[in-house]
Amino acid sequence: MFKFAFFGTDEFSVKVLETLVKQGLKPSLIVTVPDKPKGRKMIMTPPLVKVWGEENGVEVVQPSSLKTRSDLGLTRGTTSGEKENFDFFLVASYGKIIPQEILNIPTHGTLNIHPSLLPKYRGPAPLETAILNGDDKMGVTIIKLDAEMDHGPILAQKSFDSRRQGSGQGIPLYNFEQLRDKTAEIGANLLTDILPDYLASKVTLENQDHDSATFTKKFVKADGELKSSDSALINHRKILALNPWPGTFIFYNNTRVSIKQAHLNEQGELVFDRVVPEGRKEMAWEDFLRGLNTQK
């Protein structure tokens, strides 16, 4: 059985792990980020991958910095060398640049599951950007990592339709969470398919066309404002792409209202479905409007 360490943090990472385990691949070590304070009470909260590792009996390390093998708890001086003998490392939404010294530890280097058709959509937000752009196709790429962001040579790619068929308007078929889970599952299965040949040096790596690379940005709360100057389609894509984070919102009747779900009607108009008025719980848009009318 292959021995590997897994680098990850969030829901995408957990979905990859769950899919790999179904295929008989379980890491012997998980590397993730330190616990962080969250919520209004700033409670120290572990990353989801740490929770998964503890529930599944996998050793977890959380280095505050990642520069040398000692940050992973690995040393050169072990008697048997057993902890050093990794076949490969796998990275899936770890969120940090990994230095070359770490990437080179395993016998066959470090692989990455990236949820886009590289070199398109390098960087922190490939899924959100694909939805916002209304792409016809989305995909997953397996690369061998180097020290630059999403830059390494390609082992394999797989694409799928990501736009609602027959719409003619670039209406996305998936929201962010659906696309996240779909690409994680596809990526993990693709890795499983190619891994035996890769470890046997039977896979030809293809360099990316770096001149055609595009880069995504990290979205912030201000990006989620729905603007009346934008089309209904653009705002609909934004709702699909930016929930649950950083969220989308409007200002209505002097109230900040988070928009959780919406759809386009037959006339192409944007219709809100589920909303959260500031300081209140989630509700139907109609209930929010009804409450405003009763206050008059």
Protein backbone atom coordinates (compact mmCIF):
# COMPACT_ATOMS: atom_id res chain seq x y z
CA MET A 1 0.00 0.00 0.00
CA PHE A 2 1.22 3.50 -0.83
CA LYS A 3 2.42 5.65 2.05
CA PHE A 4 1.62 9.34 1.82
CA ALA A 5 1.07 12.49 3.85
CA PHE A 6 -1.90 14.74 3.15
CA PHE A 7 -1.80 18.55 3.30
CA GLY A 8 -5.22 20.23 3.58
CA THR A 9 -7.54 22.39 5.64
CA ASP A 10 -11.18 22.79 4.65
CA GLU A 11 -14.31 21.12 3.25
CA PHE A 12 -12.66 20.48 -0.12
CA SER A 13 -9.83 18.67 1.66
CA VAL A 14 -12.23 16.54 3.70
CA LYS A 15 -14.20 15.53 0.60
CA VAL A 16 -10.95 14.49 -1.08
CA LEU A 17 -9.99 12.39 1.95
CA GLU A 18 -13.40 10.74 2.14
CA THR A 19 -13.23 9.81 -1.54
CA LEU A 20 -9.67 8.48 -1.26
CA VAL A 21 -10.60 6.27 1.70
CA LYS A 22 -13.44 4.76 -0.33
CA GLN A 23 -10.79 3.87 -2.93
CA GLY A 24 -8.54 2.27 -0.31
CA LEU A 25 -6.11 5.17 0.12
CA LYS A 26 -5.62 6.57 3.62
CA PRO A 27 -2.81 8.94 4.61
CA SER A 28 -0.45 8.06 7.43
CA LEU A 29 0.01 11.72 8.31
CA ILE A 30 -2.12 14.87 7.95
CA VAL A 31 -0.54 18.32 7.83
CA THR A 32 -2.85 21.27 8.41
CA VAL A 33 -2.89 24.81 9.76
CA PRO A 34 -3.06 25.72 13.47
CA ASP A 35 -6.41 26.14 15.24
CA LYS A 36 -7.88 29.63 14.82
CA PRO A 37 -10.32 31.78 16.79
CA LYS A 38 -13.74 31.97 15.14
CA GLY A 39 -17.13 33.51 15.75
CA ARG A 40 -18.18 36.44 17.88
CA LYS A 41 -16.72 34.79 20.99
CA MET A 42 -13.45 34.02 19.15
CA ILE A 43 -13.44 30.36 20.22
CA MET A 44 -10.36 28.42 19.16
CA THR A 45 -11.57 26.12 16.39
CA PRO A 46 -9.66 23.29 14.68
CA PRO A 47 -9.55 23.05 10.87
CA LEU A 48 -11.98 20.49 9.49
CA VAL A 49 -9.16 18.24 8.30
CA LYS A 50 -7.84 17.96 11.86
CA VAL A 51 -11.28 16.85 13.04
CA TRP A 52 -11.41 14.27 10.24
CA GLY A 53 -7.93 12.98 11.10
CA GLU A 54 -8.73 12.54 14.77
CA GLU A 55 -12.00 10.76 13.96
CA ASN A 56 -10.21 8.41 11.55
CA GLY A 57 -7.12 7.64 13.62
CA VAL A 58 -4.62 9.57 11.49
CA GLU A 59 -1.74 11.48 13.08
CA VAL A 60 -2.16 15.25 12.65
CA VAL A 61 0.51 17.94 12.80
CA GLN A 62 -0.17 21.70 12.71
CA PRO A 63 3.08 23.57 12.12
CA SER A 64 2.90 27.33 12.59
CA SER A 65 5.63 27.61 9.96
CA LEU A 66 6.63 25.14 7.29
CA LYS A 67 10.26 25.47 6.29
CA THR A 68 12.08 22.19 7.01
CA ARG A 69 11.26 18.54 7.59
CA SER A 70 11.54 19.06 11.34
CA ASP A 71 8.41 21.23 11.15
CA LEU A 72 6.56 18.04 10.15
CA GLY A 73 8.05 16.08 13.03
CA LEU A 74 10.38 14.28 10.64
CA THR A 75 14.06 13.82 11.44
CA ARG A 76 16.96 12.29 9.55
CA GLY A 77 18.20 10.37 12.55
CA THR A 78 15.53 7.71 12.94
CA THR A 79 16.87 4.20 13.34
CA SER A 80 14.61 2.53 10.83
CA GLY A 81 13.91 5.57 8.69
CA GLU A 82 10.30 4.43 8.53
CA LYS A 83 8.83 7.91 9.05
CA GLU A 84 10.88 9.22 6.14
CA ASN A 85 9.79 6.70 3.56
CA PHE A 86 6.81 8.47 2.01
CA ASP A 87 5.95 7.51 -1.54
CA PHE A 88 4.40 10.93 -2.17
CA PHE A 89 2.76 13.93 -0.53
CA LEU A 90 -0.71 15.07 -1.60
CA VAL A 91 -1.89 18.68 -1.31
CA ALA A 92 -5.57 19.63 -1.62
CA SER A 93 -6.57 23.12 -0.45
CA TYR A 94 -3.82 23.53 2.14
CA GLY A 95 -3.73 27.30 1.70
CA LYS A 96 -0.01 27.89 2.11
CA ILE A 97 2.98 27.85 -0.22
CA ILE A 98 5.13 24.81 0.56
CA PRO A 99 8.91 25.24 0.20
CA GLN A 100 10.86 23.03 -2.17
CA GLU A 101 12.71 21.27 0.65
CA ILE A 102 9.38 19.90 1.91
CA LEU A 103 8.12 19.07 -1.58
CA ASN A 104 11.22 16.96 -2.20
CA ILE A 105 10.91 14.75 0.90
CA PRO A 106 8.84 11.92 -0.66
CA THR A 107 10.37 9.48 -3.11
CA HIS A 108 8.03 10.63 -5.91
CA GLY A 109 7.58 14.25 -4.94
CA THR A 110 4.42 16.15 -4.05
CA LEU A 111 1.16 16.08 -6.00
CA ASN A 112 -1.70 18.57 -5.94
CA ILE A 113 -5.41 18.33 -6.75
CA HIS A 114 -6.37 21.72 -8.19
CA PRO A 115 -10.03 22.47 -9.06
CA SER A 116 -9.54 24.13 -12.43
CA LEU A 117 -8.17 23.36 -15.87
CA LEU A 118 -4.68 24.74 -15.32
CA PRO A 119 -3.08 27.02 -16.31
CA LYS A 120 -6.50 28.70 -16.10
CA TYR A 121 -7.51 29.98 -12.67
CA ARG A 122 -4.37 29.67 -10.62
CA GLY A 123 -4.55 31.06 -7.11
CA PRO A 124 -6.99 31.05 -4.18
CA ALA A 125 -10.45 31.17 -5.80
CA PRO A 126 -10.74 29.06 -8.98
CA LEU A 127 -14.26 27.80 -8.26
CA GLU A 128 -15.74 31.18 -7.44
CA THR A 129 -14.12 32.73 -10.50
CA ALA A 130 -15.39 30.03 -12.85
CA ILE A 131 -18.95 30.54 -11.60
CA LEU A 132 -18.71 34.32 -11.86
CA ASN A 133 -17.46 34.02 -15.43
CA GLY A 134 -20.24 31.62 -16.42
CA ASP A 135 -17.78 29.09 -17.84
CA ASP A 136 -19.17 26.35 -20.07
CA LYS A 137 -16.68 23.85 -18.74
CA MET A 138 -14.90 23.35 -15.46
CA GLY A 139 -12.38 20.74 -14.48
CA VAL A 140 -9.71 19.34 -12.22
CA THR A 141 -5.96 19.10 -12.74
CA ILE A 142 -3.41 16.88 -11.02
CA ILE A 143 0.02 18.52 -11.00
CA LYS A 144 3.41 17.82 -9.49
CA LEU A 145 4.02 20.77 -7.23
CA ASP A 146 6.97 23.09 -7.40
CA ALA A 147 7.66 26.10 -5.19
CA GLU A 148 5.55 28.49 -7.33
CA MET A 149 1.77 28.79 -7.06
CA ASP A 150 -0.08 26.18 -9.17
CA HIS A 151 2.89 26.16 -11.53
CA GLY A 152 4.10 22.55 -11.76
CA PRO A 153 3.79 20.06 -14.63
CA ILE A 154 0.48 18.33 -15.34
CA LEU A 155 -0.13 14.61 -14.77
CA ALA A 156 -3.80 14.50 -15.71
CA GLN A 157 -6.92 16.62 -16.28
CA LYS A 158 -10.63 15.96 -16.41
CA SER A 159 -13.35 18.39 -17.52
CA PHE A 160 -17.14 18.47 -17.21
CA ASP A 161 -20.04 20.72 -18.20
CA SER A 162 -20.59 23.52 -15.69
CA ARG A 163 -23.26 25.63 -17.42
CA ARG A 164 -26.97 24.94 -17.48
CA GLN A 165 -27.66 23.36 -20.86
CA GLY A 166 -29.92 25.22 -23.25
CA SER A 167 -29.85 28.43 -21.24
CA GLY A 168 -27.80 30.36 -23.76
CA GLN A 169 -27.01 32.83 -21.03
CA GLY A 170 -24.09 31.33 -19.18
CA ILE A 171 -26.23 30.32 -16.21
CA PRO A 172 -24.07 28.14 -13.92
CA LEU A 173 -25.21 24.61 -13.21
CA TYR A 174 -23.64 24.54 -9.73
CA ASN A 175 -23.30 26.83 -6.76
CA PHE A 176 -19.96 27.06 -4.95
CA GLU A 177 -20.57 24.26 -2.45
CA GLN A 178 -21.85 21.87 -5.12
CA LEU A 179 -18.91 22.63 -7.38
CA ARG A 180 -16.45 22.31 -4.50
CA ASP A 181 -17.69 18.83 -3.62
CA LYS A 182 -17.90 17.70 -7.25
CA THR A 183 -14.35 18.78 -8.11
CA ALA A 184 -12.97 17.26 -4.90
CA GLU A 185 -14.56 13.90 -5.70
CA ILE A 186 -13.49 13.98 -9.36
CA GLY A 187 -9.97 14.98 -8.38
CA ALA A 188 -9.59 12.23 -5.79
CA ASN A 189 -10.87 9.57 -8.20
CA LEU A 190 -8.61 10.88 -10.98
CA LEU A 191 -5.62 10.69 -8.65
CA THR A 192 -6.52 7.14 -7.69
CA ASP A 193 -6.72 6.14 -11.35
CA ILE A 194 -3.31 7.52 -12.35
CA LEU A 195 -1.36 6.92 -9.14
CA PRO A 196 -0.09 3.37 -9.84
CA ASP A 197 1.30 4.41 -13.23
CA TYR A 198 2.76 7.61 -11.82
CA LEU A 199 4.59 5.79 -9.03
CA ALA A 200 5.85 3.30 -11.62
CA SER A 201 7.20 6.23 -13.72
CA LYS A 202 4.76 5.46 -16.54
CA VAL A 203 3.10 8.89 -16.65
CA THR A 204 4.44 11.60 -18.93
CA LEU A 205 4.36 15.01 -17.26
CA GLU A 206 3.39 17.98 -19.43
CA ASN A 207 4.61 21.49 -18.67
CA GLN A 208 1.92 24.15 -18.38
CA ASP A 209 1.69 26.98 -20.89
CA HIS A 210 2.72 29.64 -18.40
CA ASP A 211 2.13 32.48 -20.88
CA SER A 212 -1.61 31.69 -20.90
CA ALA A 213 -1.96 31.42 -17.12
CA THR A 214 -4.73 33.41 -15.43
CA PHE A 215 -4.78 34.27 -11.74
CA THR A 216 -7.66 34.55 -9.28
CA LYS A 217 -7.98 36.81 -6.27
CA LYS A 218 -9.11 36.20 -2.73
CA PHE A 219 -12.61 37.59 -2.30
CA VAL A 220 -13.57 39.89 0.58
CA LYS A 221 -16.95 40.94 2.01
CA ALA A 222 -17.17 44.09 -0.12
CA ASP A 223 -17.11 41.92 -3.27
CA GLY A 224 -20.47 40.44 -2.29
CA GLU A 225 -22.59 43.56 -2.77
CA LEU A 226 -25.22 43.12 -5.46
CA LYS A 227 -25.39 46.23 -7.61
CA SER A 228 -28.45 47.48 -9.48
CA SER A 229 -26.14 48.59 -12.30
CA ASP A 230 -25.19 44.94 -12.95
CA SER A 231 -27.42 42.58 -14.90
CA ALA A 232 -29.65 40.02 -13.22
CA LEU A 233 -27.40 37.29 -14.63
CA ILE A 234 -24.23 38.79 -13.15
CA ASN A 235 -25.85 39.18 -9.72
CA HIS A 236 -27.24 35.64 -9.90
CA ARG A 237 -23.78 34.27 -10.62
CA LYS A 238 -22.43 36.29 -7.71
CA ILE A 239 -24.98 34.72 -5.33
CA LEU A 240 -24.03 31.24 -6.54
CA ALA A 241 -20.31 31.91 -6.34
CA LEU A 242 -19.86 33.86 -3.12
CA ASN A 243 -22.03 31.94 -0.67
CA PRO A 244 -21.31 30.93 2.01
CA TRP A 245 -18.17 33.11 1.95
CA PRO A 246 -17.84 36.08 1.76
CA GLY A 247 -21.60 36.19 1.22
CA THR A 248 -23.77 38.46 -0.93
CA PHE A 249 -25.94 41.33 0.21
CA ILE A 250 -28.10 44.33 -0.67
CA PHE A 251 -29.31 47.38 1.20
CA TYR A 252 -33.10 47.44 1.26
CA ASN A 253 -35.22 49.94 3.18
CA ASN A 254 -32.09 51.01 5.10
CA THR A 255 -31.45 47.40 6.14
CA ARG A 256 -28.46 45.27 5.14
CA VAL A 257 -29.90 42.01 3.83
CA SER A 258 -27.74 38.97 3.12
CA ILE A 259 -28.94 37.07 0.05
CA LYS A 260 -28.53 33.32 0.48
CA GLN A 261 -30.49 31.89 -2.44
CA ALA A 262 -32.07 33.27 -5.59
CA HIS A 263 -33.12 32.26 -9.09
CA LEU A 264 -33.81 33.75 -12.50
CA ASN A 265 -37.43 33.58 -13.59
CA GLU A 266 -38.63 32.95 -17.14
CA GLN A 267 -38.27 36.63 -17.95
CA GLY A 268 -34.64 36.59 -16.84
CA GLU A 269 -35.36 38.62 -13.72
CA LEU A 270 -33.55 37.93 -10.46
CA VAL A 271 -35.86 36.63 -7.73
CA PHE A 272 -34.63 36.38 -4.15
CA ASP A 273 -35.59 33.21 -2.27
CA ARG A 274 -33.79 33.03 1.10
CA VAL A 275 -32.39 36.05 2.96
CA VAL A 276 -30.98 37.08 6.33
CA PRO A 277 -31.86 40.64 7.37
CA GLU A 278 -29.20 42.16 9.60
CA GLY A 279 -29.68 41.06 13.22
CA ARG A 280 -32.32 38.44 12.34
CA LYS A 281 -32.58 34.80 11.33
CA GLU A 282 -32.80 33.39 7.81
CA MET A 283 -36.23 33.68 6.21
CA ALA A 284 -38.03 33.71 2.89
CA TRP A 285 -37.77 36.97 0.95
CA GLU A 286 -41.57 37.22 0.90
CA ASP A 287 -41.68 36.98 4.71
CA PHE A 288 -39.14 39.78 4.97
CA LEU A 289 -41.24 42.02 2.70
CA ARG A 290 -44.42 41.08 4.58
CA GLY A 291 -42.79 42.11 7.84
CA LEU A 292 -41.88 45.49 6.39
CA ASN A 293 -45.45 46.05 5.22
CA THR A 294 -46.90 45.28 8.65
CA GLN A 295 -44.62 47.89 10.20
CA LYS A 296 -46.07 50.66 8.05
